[in-house]
Amino acid sequence: MSVRLSSRLARLLNLVPYFIANPGISAADAAAELGVTTKQLMDDLNQLWMCGLPGYGPGDLIDLSFSEDSIEVTFSAGIDRPLRLTSTEATALLIALRSLVEMPGMVDPSAAYRAIAKIEAAAGVAAAEGPDDTPEPQESPSVTTVRGALAHGRALHITYYSASRDVVSERTVDPLRIVLVDDQSYLQAWCRDAEGVRLFRLDRIDAATELDEPSAPPEQARTGGDALDLFHDDPSLPLARLVVAPDHVWILDYYPMTQTAAHDDGSIEVSMRFATLDWMSRLALGLGSGVRVLGPPALVREVTARSRDALDVYRAVSSD
């Protein structure tokens, strides 16, 4: 049997117990949950109509009542339970669940660990490996509150540390979803103060309070195609131009920099938007000889002045 046919057979066999557990669900909702198109789902249901017990007469075939608005199973022909997971499927699910648990805010840790325990028990993993005494990681109260607000459709008041500005601010936001960007979990939300969609890194939300009012982001915030742009290239912000030494190119993994040129010696030129001269100059100075500032002129002057001041202090201390 080809991989394509075996995959469809497994899907067909799982449809009956799925619709028994979800009576009256619409074709669109079911297709979305099952990861297929509505047309493919309707084709599968028509195929199921011709399957059943030997004899293949009235009372032997699977019987369904379905339309695009509602789907129900009226006779299951004994296919009441979903197929057992294969060893490969169980392993893939366990790896995925354990990865999600380690990402703040992506899933409810308690629910994920219960699912892991059930899958391990069904696959015989727990019996083979013995009990796991590793304590479950504790989710921070702010992350729990964020997930709760999303589930309840409520607005949030958060205390947030902005690394780009090095400030802590109070925000009222309308949550949209939790997303994963470069192995970091973010709350995507409409910020009422900034009047735009913003991403808030979950581990930088110091405190969160679920408000007694519904989350009501504007329609464009729900459907905006660029909402996942982590670092908005706001043309109103100044643009720093830097040369990064070969042994410091790792900083591109930690800061929103865009490479603009590469040199023969291995160094690269990058650009980066920044909010304040104070913050950007401290970043450049903190990276030491690994970074050379090319512009803008105001940033060059600020870094040069601070470097001279620091050198003067060093010389004064050394001469004492």
C-alpha atoms as a PDB file:
ATOM      1  CA  MET A   1       0.000   0.000   0.000  1.00  0.00           C
ATOM      2  CA  SER A   2       1.375   3.413  -0.950  1.00  0.00           C
ATOM      3  CA  VAL A   3       2.109   6.012   1.713  1.00  0.00           C
ATOM      4  CA  ARG A   4      -0.677   8.200   0.317  1.00  0.00           C
ATOM      5  CA  LEU A   5      -3.284   5.419   0.505  1.00  0.00           C
ATOM      6  CA  SER A   6      -2.222   4.294   3.986  1.00  0.00           C
ATOM      7  CA  SER A   7      -2.389   7.888   5.202  1.00  0.00           C
ATOM      8  CA  ARG A   8      -5.929   8.277   3.845  1.00  0.00           C
ATOM      9  CA  LEU A   9      -6.992   4.941   5.342  1.00  0.00           C
ATOM     10  CA  ALA A  10      -5.773   6.025   8.787  1.00  0.00           C
ATOM     11  CA  ARG A  11      -7.601   9.335   8.392  1.00  0.00           C
ATOM     12  CA  LEU A  12     -10.842   7.602   7.355  1.00  0.00           C
ATOM     13  CA  LEU A  13     -10.700   5.169  10.278  1.00  0.00           C
ATOM     14  CA  ASN A  14     -10.241   8.052  12.711  1.00  0.00           C
ATOM     15  CA  LEU A  15     -13.089  10.138  11.303  1.00  0.00           C
ATOM     16  CA  VAL A  16     -15.882   8.040  12.830  1.00  0.00           C
ATOM     17  CA  PRO A  17     -14.691   8.298  16.479  1.00  0.00           C
ATOM     18  CA  TYR A  18     -13.879  11.983  15.884  1.00  0.00           C
ATOM     19  CA  PHE A  19     -17.432  12.809  14.789  1.00  0.00           C
ATOM     20  CA  ILE A  20     -18.898  10.665  17.573  1.00  0.00           C
ATOM     21  CA  ALA A  21     -16.957  12.857  20.016  1.00  0.00           C
ATOM     22  CA  ASN A  22     -17.975  16.059  18.163  1.00  0.00           C
ATOM     23  CA  PRO A  23     -21.606  15.592  17.070  1.00  0.00           C
ATOM     24  CA  GLY A  24     -23.075  18.347  14.936  1.00  0.00           C
ATOM     25  CA  ILE A  25     -19.752  20.042  14.157  1.00  0.00           C
ATOM     26  CA  SER A  26     -19.651  21.976  10.878  1.00  0.00           C
ATOM     27  CA  ALA A  27     -17.555  20.806   7.939  1.00  0.00           C
ATOM     28  CA  ALA A  28     -15.433  23.968   8.021  1.00  0.00           C
ATOM     29  CA  ASP A  29     -14.606  23.619  11.735  1.00  0.00           C
ATOM     30  CA  ALA A  30     -13.889  19.897  11.412  1.00  0.00           C
ATOM     31  CA  ALA A  31     -11.655  20.415   8.374  1.00  0.00           C
ATOM     32  CA  ALA A  32      -9.679  23.087  10.232  1.00  0.00           C
ATOM     33  CA  GLU A  33      -9.149  20.802  13.241  1.00  0.00           C
ATOM     34  CA  LEU A  34      -8.219  17.810  11.071  1.00  0.00           C
ATOM     35  CA  GLY A  35      -5.851  19.778   8.848  1.00  0.00           C
ATOM     36  CA  VAL A  36      -7.652  19.105   5.551  1.00  0.00           C
ATOM     37  CA  THR A  37      -9.723  21.159   3.128  1.00  0.00           C
ATOM     38  CA  THR A  38     -13.512  21.148   3.340  1.00  0.00           C
ATOM     39  CA  LYS A  39     -13.681  19.465  -0.087  1.00  0.00           C
ATOM     40  CA  GLN A  40     -11.284  16.720   1.010  1.00  0.00           C
ATOM     41  CA  LEU A  41     -13.325  16.133   4.157  1.00  0.00           C
ATOM     42  CA  MET A  42     -16.578  15.851   2.190  1.00  0.00           C
ATOM     43  CA  ASP A  43     -14.892  13.393  -0.203  1.00  0.00           C
ATOM     44  CA  ASP A  44     -13.785  11.310   2.793  1.00  0.00           C
ATOM     45  CA  LEU A  45     -17.314  11.283   4.221  1.00  0.00           C
ATOM     46  CA  ASN A  46     -18.725  10.115   0.906  1.00  0.00           C
ATOM     47  CA  GLN A  47     -16.099   7.345   0.888  1.00  0.00           C
ATOM     48  CA  LEU A  48     -17.045   6.292   4.430  1.00  0.00           C
ATOM     49  CA  TRP A  49     -20.622   5.828   3.312  1.00  0.00           C
ATOM     50  CA  MET A  50     -19.456   2.809   1.307  1.00  0.00           C
ATOM     51  CA  CYS A  51     -17.531   1.169   4.175  1.00  0.00           C
ATOM     52  CA  GLY A  52     -18.767  -1.154   6.884  1.00  0.00           C
ATOM     53  CA  LEU A  53     -19.201  -4.747   8.027  1.00  0.00           C
ATOM     54  CA  PRO A  54     -19.197  -7.833   5.765  1.00  0.00           C
ATOM     55  CA  GLY A  55     -22.494  -8.153   3.977  1.00  0.00           C
ATOM     56  CA  TYR A  56     -22.382  -4.499   2.967  1.00  0.00           C
ATOM     57  CA  GLY A  57     -26.146  -4.194   3.103  1.00  0.00           C
ATOM     58  CA  PRO A  58     -28.542  -2.035   5.112  1.00  0.00           C
ATOM     59  CA  GLY A  59     -27.478  -2.082   8.738  1.00  0.00           C
ATOM     60  CA  ASP A  60     -23.912  -3.086   7.833  1.00  0.00           C
ATOM     61  CA  LEU A  61     -22.498   0.121   6.354  1.00  0.00           C
ATOM     62  CA  ILE A  62     -21.363   3.172   8.292  1.00  0.00           C
ATOM     63  CA  ASP A  63     -24.222   5.648   8.305  1.00  0.00           C
ATOM     64  CA  LEU A  64     -23.728   9.394   8.453  1.00  0.00           C
ATOM     65  CA  SER A  65     -25.925  12.443   8.369  1.00  0.00           C
ATOM     66  CA  PHE A  66     -23.831  15.254   6.981  1.00  0.00           C
ATOM     67  CA  SER A  67     -23.833  18.562   5.206  1.00  0.00           C
ATOM     68  CA  GLU A  68     -21.480  21.524   5.330  1.00  0.00           C
ATOM     69  CA  ASP A  69     -23.436  22.839   8.328  1.00  0.00           C
ATOM     70  CA  SER A  70     -23.547  19.696  10.488  1.00  0.00           C
ATOM     71  CA  ILE A  71     -22.019  16.210  10.610  1.00  0.00           C
ATOM     72  CA  GLU A  72     -23.244  13.322  12.778  1.00  0.00           C
ATOM     73  CA  VAL A  73     -22.627   9.565  12.903  1.00  0.00           C
ATOM     74  CA  THR A  74     -25.843   7.513  13.088  1.00  0.00           C
ATOM     75  CA  PHE A  75     -24.187   4.057  12.833  1.00  0.00           C
ATOM     76  CA  SER A  76     -20.495   3.470  13.521  1.00  0.00           C
ATOM     77  CA  ALA A  77     -20.207  -0.185  12.449  1.00  0.00           C
ATOM     78  CA  GLY A  78     -18.066  -0.769  15.534  1.00  0.00           C
ATOM     79  CA  ILE A  79     -15.432   1.875  14.734  1.00  0.00           C
ATOM     80  CA  ASP A  80     -15.949   3.743  17.985  1.00  0.00           C
ATOM     81  CA  ARG A  81     -12.380   4.333  19.137  1.00  0.00           C
ATOM     82  CA  PRO A  82      -9.478   6.119  17.421  1.00  0.00           C
ATOM     83  CA  LEU A  83      -6.521   4.115  16.161  1.00  0.00           C
ATOM     84  CA  ARG A  84      -3.612   3.463  18.498  1.00  0.00           C
ATOM     85  CA  LEU A  85      -0.573   5.628  17.978  1.00  0.00           C
ATOM     86  CA  THR A  86       2.367   3.963  16.295  1.00  0.00           C
ATOM     87  CA  SER A  87       5.721   4.125  18.076  1.00  0.00           C
ATOM     88  CA  THR A  88       6.884   6.796  15.623  1.00  0.00           C
ATOM     89  CA  GLU A  89       3.726   8.876  16.101  1.00  0.00           C
ATOM     90  CA  ALA A  90       3.936   8.633  19.897  1.00  0.00           C
ATOM     91  CA  THR A  91       7.601   9.661  19.884  1.00  0.00           C
ATOM     92  CA  ALA A  92       6.892  12.645  17.623  1.00  0.00           C
ATOM     93  CA  LEU A  93       4.034  13.809  19.861  1.00  0.00           C
ATOM     94  CA  LEU A  94       6.121  13.455  23.019  1.00  0.00           C
ATOM     95  CA  ILE A  95       9.001  15.439  21.531  1.00  0.00           C
ATOM     96  CA  ALA A  96       6.633  18.177  20.346  1.00  0.00           C
ATOM     97  CA  LEU A  97       4.828  18.408  23.700  1.00  0.00           C
ATOM     98  CA  ARG A  98       8.053  18.543  25.704  1.00  0.00           C
ATOM     99  CA  SER A  99       9.367  21.281  23.415  1.00  0.00           C
ATOM    100  CA  LEU A 100       6.169  23.308  23.837  1.00  0.00           C
ATOM    101  CA  VAL A 101       6.296  22.974  27.630  1.00  0.00           C
ATOM    102  CA  GLU A 102       9.728  24.621  27.614  1.00  0.00           C
ATOM    103  CA  MET A 103       8.380  27.631  25.691  1.00  0.00           C
ATOM    104  CA  PRO A 104       6.625  30.042  28.081  1.00  0.00           C
ATOM    105  CA  GLY A 105       2.983  30.688  27.332  1.00  0.00           C
ATOM    106  CA  MET A 106       2.600  28.372  24.347  1.00  0.00           C
ATOM    107  CA  VAL A 107       0.580  25.730  26.230  1.00  0.00           C
ATOM    108  CA  ASP A 108      -0.856  25.069  29.676  1.00  0.00           C
ATOM    109  CA  PRO A 109       2.034  23.134  31.317  1.00  0.00           C
ATOM    110  CA  SER A 110      -0.269  21.044  33.525  1.00  0.00           C
ATOM    111  CA  ALA A 111      -2.411  19.987  30.565  1.00  0.00           C
ATOM    112  CA  ALA A 112       0.685  19.226  28.493  1.00  0.00           C
ATOM    113  CA  TYR A 113       2.180  17.047  31.237  1.00  0.00           C
ATOM    114  CA  ARG A 114      -1.112  15.164  31.603  1.00  0.00           C
ATOM    115  CA  ALA A 115      -1.097  14.513  27.862  1.00  0.00           C
ATOM    116  CA  ILE A 116       2.537  13.370  28.028  1.00  0.00           C
ATOM    117  CA  ALA A 117       1.698  10.938  30.836  1.00  0.00           C
ATOM    118  CA  LYS A 118      -1.242   9.492  28.880  1.00  0.00           C
ATOM    119  CA  ILE A 119       0.795   9.063  25.701  1.00  0.00           C
ATOM    120  CA  GLU A 120       3.662   7.443  27.612  1.00  0.00           C
ATOM    121  CA  ALA A 121       1.263   5.073  29.343  1.00  0.00           C
ATOM    122  CA  ALA A 122      -0.424   4.131  26.067  1.00  0.00           C
ATOM    123  CA  ALA A 123       2.917   3.610  24.334  1.00  0.00           C
ATOM    124  CA  GLY A 124       4.451   1.727  27.270  1.00  0.00           C
ATOM    125  CA  VAL A 125       7.193   4.325  27.664  1.00  0.00           C
ATOM    126  CA  ALA A 126       6.585   4.963  31.351  1.00  0.00           C
ATOM    127  CA  ALA A 127       6.764   1.291  32.246  1.00  0.00           C
ATOM    128  CA  ALA A 128       9.978   0.834  30.292  1.00  0.00           C
ATOM    129  CA  GLU A 129      11.753   3.866  31.686  1.00  0.00           C
ATOM    130  CA  GLY A 130      10.295   3.948  35.196  1.00  0.00           C
ATOM    131  CA  PRO A 131       8.720   6.932  36.939  1.00  0.00           C
ATOM    132  CA  ASP A 132      10.039  10.395  36.164  1.00  0.00           C
ATOM    133  CA  ASP A 133      10.745  12.305  39.381  1.00  0.00           C
ATOM    134  CA  THR A 134      11.787  15.490  37.585  1.00  0.00           C
ATOM    135  CA  PRO A 135       9.672  18.354  38.976  1.00  0.00           C
ATOM    136  CA  GLU A 136       7.451  20.164  36.503  1.00  0.00           C
ATOM    137  CA  PRO A 137       8.733  23.660  35.620  1.00  0.00           C
ATOM    138  CA  GLN A 138       6.604  26.366  37.192  1.00  0.00           C
ATOM    139  CA  GLU A 139       4.959  28.898  34.907  1.00  0.00           C
ATOM    140  CA  SER A 140       5.311  32.515  36.002  1.00  0.00           C
ATOM    141  CA  PRO A 141       2.112  34.176  37.312  1.00  0.00           C
ATOM    142  CA  SER A 142       2.252  36.815  34.577  1.00  0.00           C
ATOM    143  CA  VAL A 143       2.375  34.196  31.808  1.00  0.00           C
ATOM    144  CA  THR A 144      -0.533  32.316  33.399  1.00  0.00           C
ATOM    145  CA  THR A 145      -2.518  35.566  33.485  1.00  0.00           C
ATOM    146  CA  VAL A 146      -1.713  36.280  29.827  1.00  0.00           C
ATOM    147  CA  ARG A 147      -2.905  32.837  28.746  1.00  0.00           C
ATOM    148  CA  GLY A 148      -6.025  33.239  30.870  1.00  0.00           C
ATOM    149  CA  ALA A 149      -6.876  36.593  29.297  1.00  0.00           C
ATOM    150  CA  LEU A 150      -6.502  35.090  25.833  1.00  0.00           C
ATOM    151  CA  ALA A 151      -8.759  32.177  26.749  1.00  0.00           C
ATOM    152  CA  HIS A 152     -11.387  34.473  28.295  1.00  0.00           C
ATOM    153  CA  GLY A 153     -11.198  37.131  25.570  1.00  0.00           C
ATOM    154  CA  ARG A 154     -10.257  39.869  28.069  1.00  0.00           C
ATOM    155  CA  ALA A 155      -8.013  42.919  27.868  1.00  0.00           C
ATOM    156  CA  LEU A 156      -4.770  43.064  29.854  1.00  0.00           C
ATOM    157  CA  HIS A 157      -2.831  45.628  31.852  1.00  0.00           C
ATOM    158  CA  ILE A 158       0.873  44.752  31.799  1.00  0.00           C
ATOM    159  CA  THR A 159       4.106  46.045  33.260  1.00  0.00           C
ATOM    160  CA  TYR A 160       6.675  45.546  30.511  1.00  0.00           C
ATOM    161  CA  TYR A 161      10.446  45.945  30.236  1.00  0.00           C
ATOM    162  CA  SER A 162      11.478  47.242  26.811  1.00  0.00           C
ATOM    163  CA  ALA A 163      15.054  46.167  26.095  1.00  0.00           C
ATOM    164  CA  SER A 164      15.388  48.510  23.100  1.00  0.00           C
ATOM    165  CA  ARG A 165      14.590  51.550  25.284  1.00  0.00           C
ATOM    166  CA  ASP A 166      15.839  50.158  28.603  1.00  0.00           C
ATOM    167  CA  VAL A 167      12.652  51.312  30.339  1.00  0.00           C
ATOM    168  CA  VAL A 168       9.748  49.740  32.210  1.00  0.00           C
ATOM    169  CA  SER A 169       6.304  50.916  31.123  1.00  0.00           C
ATOM    170  CA  GLU A 170       2.645  50.289  31.899  1.00  0.00           C
ATOM    171  CA  ARG A 171       0.505  49.198  28.951  1.00  0.00           C
ATOM    172  CA  THR A 172      -3.126  48.310  28.349  1.00  0.00           C
ATOM    173  CA  VAL A 173      -3.377  45.807  25.516  1.00  0.00           C
ATOM    174  CA  ASP A 174      -5.945  43.718  23.660  1.00  0.00           C
ATOM    175  CA  PRO A 175      -4.410  40.233  23.278  1.00  0.00           C
ATOM    176  CA  LEU A 176      -4.488  38.569  19.855  1.00  0.00           C
ATOM    177  CA  ARG A 177      -2.421  35.410  20.242  1.00  0.00           C
ATOM    178  CA  ILE A 178       0.828  33.944  21.578  1.00  0.00           C
ATOM    179  CA  VAL A 179       3.458  33.364  18.912  1.00  0.00           C
ATOM    180  CA  LEU A 180       6.908  31.821  18.744  1.00  0.00           C
ATOM    181  CA  VAL A 181       9.715  33.803  17.097  1.00  0.00           C
ATOM    182  CA  ASP A 182      13.297  32.503  17.114  1.00  0.00           C
ATOM    183  CA  ASP A 183      12.618  30.197  20.102  1.00  0.00           C
ATOM    184  CA  GLN A 184      11.117  33.037  22.158  1.00  0.00           C
ATOM    185  CA  SER A 185       7.442  33.297  23.142  1.00  0.00           C
ATOM    186  CA  TYR A 186       5.684  36.615  22.539  1.00  0.00           C
ATOM    187  CA  LEU A 187       2.252  38.034  23.223  1.00  0.00           C
ATOM    188  CA  GLN A 188       0.931  39.602  20.043  1.00  0.00           C
ATOM    189  CA  ALA A 189      -1.521  42.318  21.037  1.00  0.00           C
ATOM    190  CA  TRP A 190      -3.041  45.642  20.087  1.00  0.00           C
ATOM    191  CA  CYS A 191      -1.342  48.249  22.271  1.00  0.00           C
ATOM    192  CA  ARG A 192      -3.846  50.977  23.113  1.00  0.00           C
ATOM    193  CA  ASP A 193      -1.093  53.434  24.036  1.00  0.00           C
ATOM    194  CA  ALA A 194       0.857  53.013  20.783  1.00  0.00           C
ATOM    195  CA  GLU A 195      -2.327  52.415  18.751  1.00  0.00           C
ATOM    196  CA  GLY A 196      -0.729  49.543  16.880  1.00  0.00           C
ATOM    197  CA  VAL A 197       0.023  45.822  16.983  1.00  0.00           C
ATOM    198  CA  ARG A 198       3.043  45.022  19.128  1.00  0.00           C
ATOM    199  CA  LEU A 199       4.885  41.908  20.268  1.00  0.00           C
ATOM    200  CA  PHE A 200       5.700  41.612  23.970  1.00  0.00           C
ATOM    201  CA  ARG A 201       8.255  39.010  24.978  1.00  0.00           C
ATOM    202  CA  LEU A 202       6.668  36.934  27.721  1.00  0.00           C
ATOM    203  CA  ASP A 203       9.745  36.746  29.935  1.00  0.00           C
ATOM    204  CA  ARG A 204       9.866  40.577  29.949  1.00  0.00           C
ATOM    205  CA  ILE A 205       6.305  41.002  31.219  1.00  0.00           C
ATOM    206  CA  ASP A 206       6.973  41.751  34.887  1.00  0.00           C
ATOM    207  CA  ALA A 207       3.300  41.793  35.911  1.00  0.00           C
ATOM    208  CA  ALA A 208      -0.061  41.238  34.234  1.00  0.00           C
ATOM    209  CA  THR A 209      -3.645  41.876  35.316  1.00  0.00           C
ATOM    210  CA  GLU A 210      -6.682  40.559  33.465  1.00  0.00           C
ATOM    211  CA  LEU A 211      -9.176  43.408  33.118  1.00  0.00           C
ATOM    212  CA  ASP A 212     -12.932  43.142  33.475  1.00  0.00           C
ATOM    213  CA  GLU A 213     -13.491  44.274  29.907  1.00  0.00           C
ATOM    214  CA  PRO A 214     -13.423  42.412  26.593  1.00  0.00           C
ATOM    215  CA  SER A 215     -10.406  42.388  24.339  1.00  0.00           C
ATOM    216  CA  ALA A 216     -11.450  44.584  21.417  1.00  0.00           C
ATOM    217  CA  PRO A 217      -8.631  45.119  18.907  1.00  0.00           C
ATOM    218  CA  PRO A 218      -9.647  46.871  15.671  1.00  0.00           C
ATOM    219  CA  GLU A 219     -10.382  44.713  12.654  1.00  0.00           C
ATOM    220  CA  GLN A 220      -7.152  45.660  10.883  1.00  0.00           C
ATOM    221  CA  ALA A 221      -5.196  44.355  13.877  1.00  0.00           C
ATOM    222  CA  ARG A 222      -6.869  40.946  13.576  1.00  0.00           C
ATOM    223  CA  THR A 223      -6.195  40.601   9.869  1.00  0.00           C
ATOM    224  CA  GLY A 224      -2.965  42.586   9.364  1.00  0.00           C
ATOM    225  CA  GLY A 225      -0.445  40.569   7.353  1.00  0.00           C
ATOM    226  CA  ASP A 226       2.622  42.209   8.927  1.00  0.00           C
ATOM    227  CA  ALA A 227       1.554  41.669  12.526  1.00  0.00           C
ATOM    228  CA  LEU A 228       4.330  39.169  13.160  1.00  0.00           C
ATOM    229  CA  ASP A 229       7.089  41.600  12.209  1.00  0.00           C
ATOM    230  CA  LEU A 230       8.987  41.457  15.463  1.00  0.00           C
ATOM    231  CA  PHE A 231      11.035  44.608  15.026  1.00  0.00           C
ATOM    232  CA  HIS A 232       8.980  47.154  13.101  1.00  0.00           C
ATOM    233  CA  ASP A 233      11.192  49.079  10.678  1.00  0.00           C
ATOM    234  CA  ASP A 234       9.757  52.403  11.746  1.00  0.00           C
ATOM    235  CA  PRO A 235      11.240  55.054   9.410  1.00  0.00           C
ATOM    236  CA  SER A 236      10.657  57.685  12.079  1.00  0.00           C
ATOM    237  CA  LEU A 237      13.383  56.094  14.226  1.00  0.00           C
ATOM    238  CA  PRO A 238      17.070  56.870  13.578  1.00  0.00           C
ATOM    239  CA  LEU A 239      19.130  54.219  11.809  1.00  0.00           C
ATOM    240  CA  ALA A 240      22.501  53.194  13.232  1.00  0.00           C
ATOM    241  CA  ARG A 241      25.194  51.926  10.849  1.00  0.00           C
ATOM    242  CA  LEU A 242      27.857  49.696  12.359  1.00  0.00           C
ATOM    243  CA  VAL A 243      30.834  47.580  11.365  1.00  0.00           C
ATOM    244  CA  VAL A 244      30.869  44.298  13.282  1.00  0.00           C
ATOM    245  CA  ALA A 245      34.159  42.437  13.761  1.00  0.00           C
ATOM    246  CA  PRO A 246      34.346  38.774  12.625  1.00  0.00           C
ATOM    247  CA  ASP A 247      34.443  37.489  16.206  1.00  0.00           C
ATOM    248  CA  HIS A 248      31.327  39.500  17.122  1.00  0.00           C
ATOM    249  CA  VAL A 249      28.902  38.504  14.361  1.00  0.00           C
ATOM    250  CA  TRP A 250      26.994  36.529  17.001  1.00  0.00           C
ATOM    251  CA  ILE A 251      25.337  39.782  18.070  1.00  0.00           C
ATOM    252  CA  LEU A 252      23.068  39.532  15.014  1.00  0.00           C
ATOM    253  CA  ASP A 253      21.327  36.663  16.831  1.00  0.00           C
ATOM    254  CA  TYR A 254      20.511  38.931  19.775  1.00  0.00           C
ATOM    255  CA  TYR A 255      19.719  42.335  18.252  1.00  0.00           C
ATOM    256  CA  PRO A 256      17.461  43.404  15.357  1.00  0.00           C
ATOM    257  CA  MET A 257      20.283  44.107  12.919  1.00  0.00           C
ATOM    258  CA  THR A 258      20.213  43.843   9.133  1.00  0.00           C
ATOM    259  CA  GLN A 259      23.415  42.997   7.279  1.00  0.00           C
ATOM    260  CA  THR A 260      24.102  45.470   4.479  1.00  0.00           C
ATOM    261  CA  ALA A 261      27.632  44.537   3.352  1.00  0.00           C
ATOM    262  CA  ALA A 262      30.453  42.028   3.903  1.00  0.00           C
ATOM    263  CA  HIS A 263      34.198  42.770   3.903  1.00  0.00           C
ATOM    264  CA  ASP A 264      37.124  40.569   2.873  1.00  0.00           C
ATOM    265  CA  ASP A 265      38.450  40.437   6.443  1.00  0.00           C
ATOM    266  CA  GLY A 266      35.230  38.778   7.640  1.00  0.00           C
ATOM    267  CA  SER A 267      33.698  41.862   9.197  1.00  0.00           C
ATOM    268  CA  ILE A 268      30.225  42.962   8.163  1.00  0.00           C
ATOM    269  CA  GLU A 269      28.273  46.197   7.984  1.00  0.00           C
ATOM    270  CA  VAL A 270      24.843  46.233   9.614  1.00  0.00           C
ATOM    271  CA  SER A 271      22.021  48.667  10.220  1.00  0.00           C
ATOM    272  CA  MET A 272      19.712  48.889  13.220  1.00  0.00           C
ATOM    273  CA  ARG A 273      16.843  51.166  14.260  1.00  0.00           C
ATOM    274  CA  PHE A 274      17.063  52.600  17.772  1.00  0.00           C
ATOM    275  CA  ALA A 275      14.911  54.745  20.018  1.00  0.00           C
ATOM    276  CA  THR A 276      17.419  56.874  21.956  1.00  0.00           C
ATOM    277  CA  LEU A 277      21.050  57.929  21.556  1.00  0.00           C
ATOM    278  CA  ASP A 278      21.680  57.044  25.188  1.00  0.00           C
ATOM    279  CA  TRP A 279      20.651  53.411  24.739  1.00  0.00           C
ATOM    280  CA  MET A 280      22.384  52.923  21.384  1.00  0.00           C
ATOM    281  CA  SER A 281      25.647  54.480  22.539  1.00  0.00           C
ATOM    282  CA  ARG A 282      25.677  52.262  25.640  1.00  0.00           C
ATOM    283  CA  LEU A 283      25.129  49.209  23.446  1.00  0.00           C
ATOM    284  CA  ALA A 284      27.978  50.166  21.101  1.00  0.00           C
ATOM    285  CA  LEU A 285      30.352  50.925  23.985  1.00  0.00           C
ATOM    286  CA  GLY A 286      29.398  47.711  25.755  1.00  0.00           C
ATOM    287  CA  LEU A 287      30.436  45.687  22.702  1.00  0.00           C
ATOM    288  CA  GLY A 288      33.898  47.284  22.852  1.00  0.00           C
ATOM    289  CA  SER A 289      36.253  46.681  19.942  1.00  0.00           C
ATOM    290  CA  GLY A 290      33.749  44.284  18.391  1.00  0.00           C
ATOM    291  CA  VAL A 291      31.759  47.168  16.917  1.00  0.00           C
ATOM    292  CA  ARG A 292      32.683  50.414  15.133  1.00  0.00           C
ATOM    293  CA  VAL A 293      30.030  53.096  14.644  1.00  0.00           C
ATOM    294  CA  LEU A 294      29.697  54.588  11.140  1.00  0.00           C
ATOM    295  CA  GLY A 295      26.626  56.746  11.640  1.00  0.00           C
ATOM    296  CA  PRO A 296      24.535  58.706  12.082  1.00  0.00           C
ATOM    297  CA  PRO A 297      26.849  61.617  13.025  1.00  0.00           C
ATOM    298  CA  ALA A 298      25.047  62.255  16.314  1.00  0.00           C
ATOM    299  CA  LEU A 299      25.687  58.670  17.408  1.00  0.00           C
ATOM    300  CA  VAL A 300      29.350  58.859  16.340  1.00  0.00           C
ATOM    301  CA  ARG A 301      29.796  62.046  18.395  1.00  0.00           C
ATOM    302  CA  GLU A 302      28.040  60.535  21.435  1.00  0.00           C
ATOM    303  CA  VAL A 303      30.118  57.340  21.389  1.00  0.00           C
ATOM    304  CA  THR A 304      33.351  59.314  20.827  1.00  0.00           C
ATOM    305  CA  ALA A 305      32.586  61.707  23.697  1.00  0.00           C
ATOM    306  CA  ARG A 306      31.721  58.928  26.113  1.00  0.00           C
ATOM    307  CA  SER A 307      34.839  56.980  25.119  1.00  0.00           C
ATOM    308  CA  ARG A 308      37.052  60.026  25.789  1.00  0.00           C
ATOM    309  CA  ASP A 309      35.357  60.662  29.141  1.00  0.00           C
ATOM    310  CA  ALA A 310      35.907  57.051  30.167  1.00  0.00           C
ATOM    311  CA  LEU A 311      39.540  57.193  29.034  1.00  0.00           C
ATOM    312  CA  ASP A 312      40.127  60.428  30.989  1.00  0.00           C
ATOM    313  CA  VAL A 313      38.727  58.829  34.139  1.00  0.00           C
ATOM    314  CA  TYR A 314      40.899  55.754  33.600  1.00  0.00           C
ATOM    315  CA  ARG A 315      44.034  57.883  33.154  1.00  0.00           C
ATOM    316  CA  ALA A 316      43.217  59.936  36.245  1.00  0.00           C
ATOM    317  CA  VAL A 317      42.771  56.810  38.359  1.00  0.00           C
ATOM    318  CA  SER A 318      45.945  55.224  36.942  1.00  0.00           C
ATOM    319  CA  SER A 319      48.064  58.285  37.728  1.00  0.00           C
ATOM    320  CA  ASP A 320      47.025  58.378  41.402  1.00  0.00           C
END
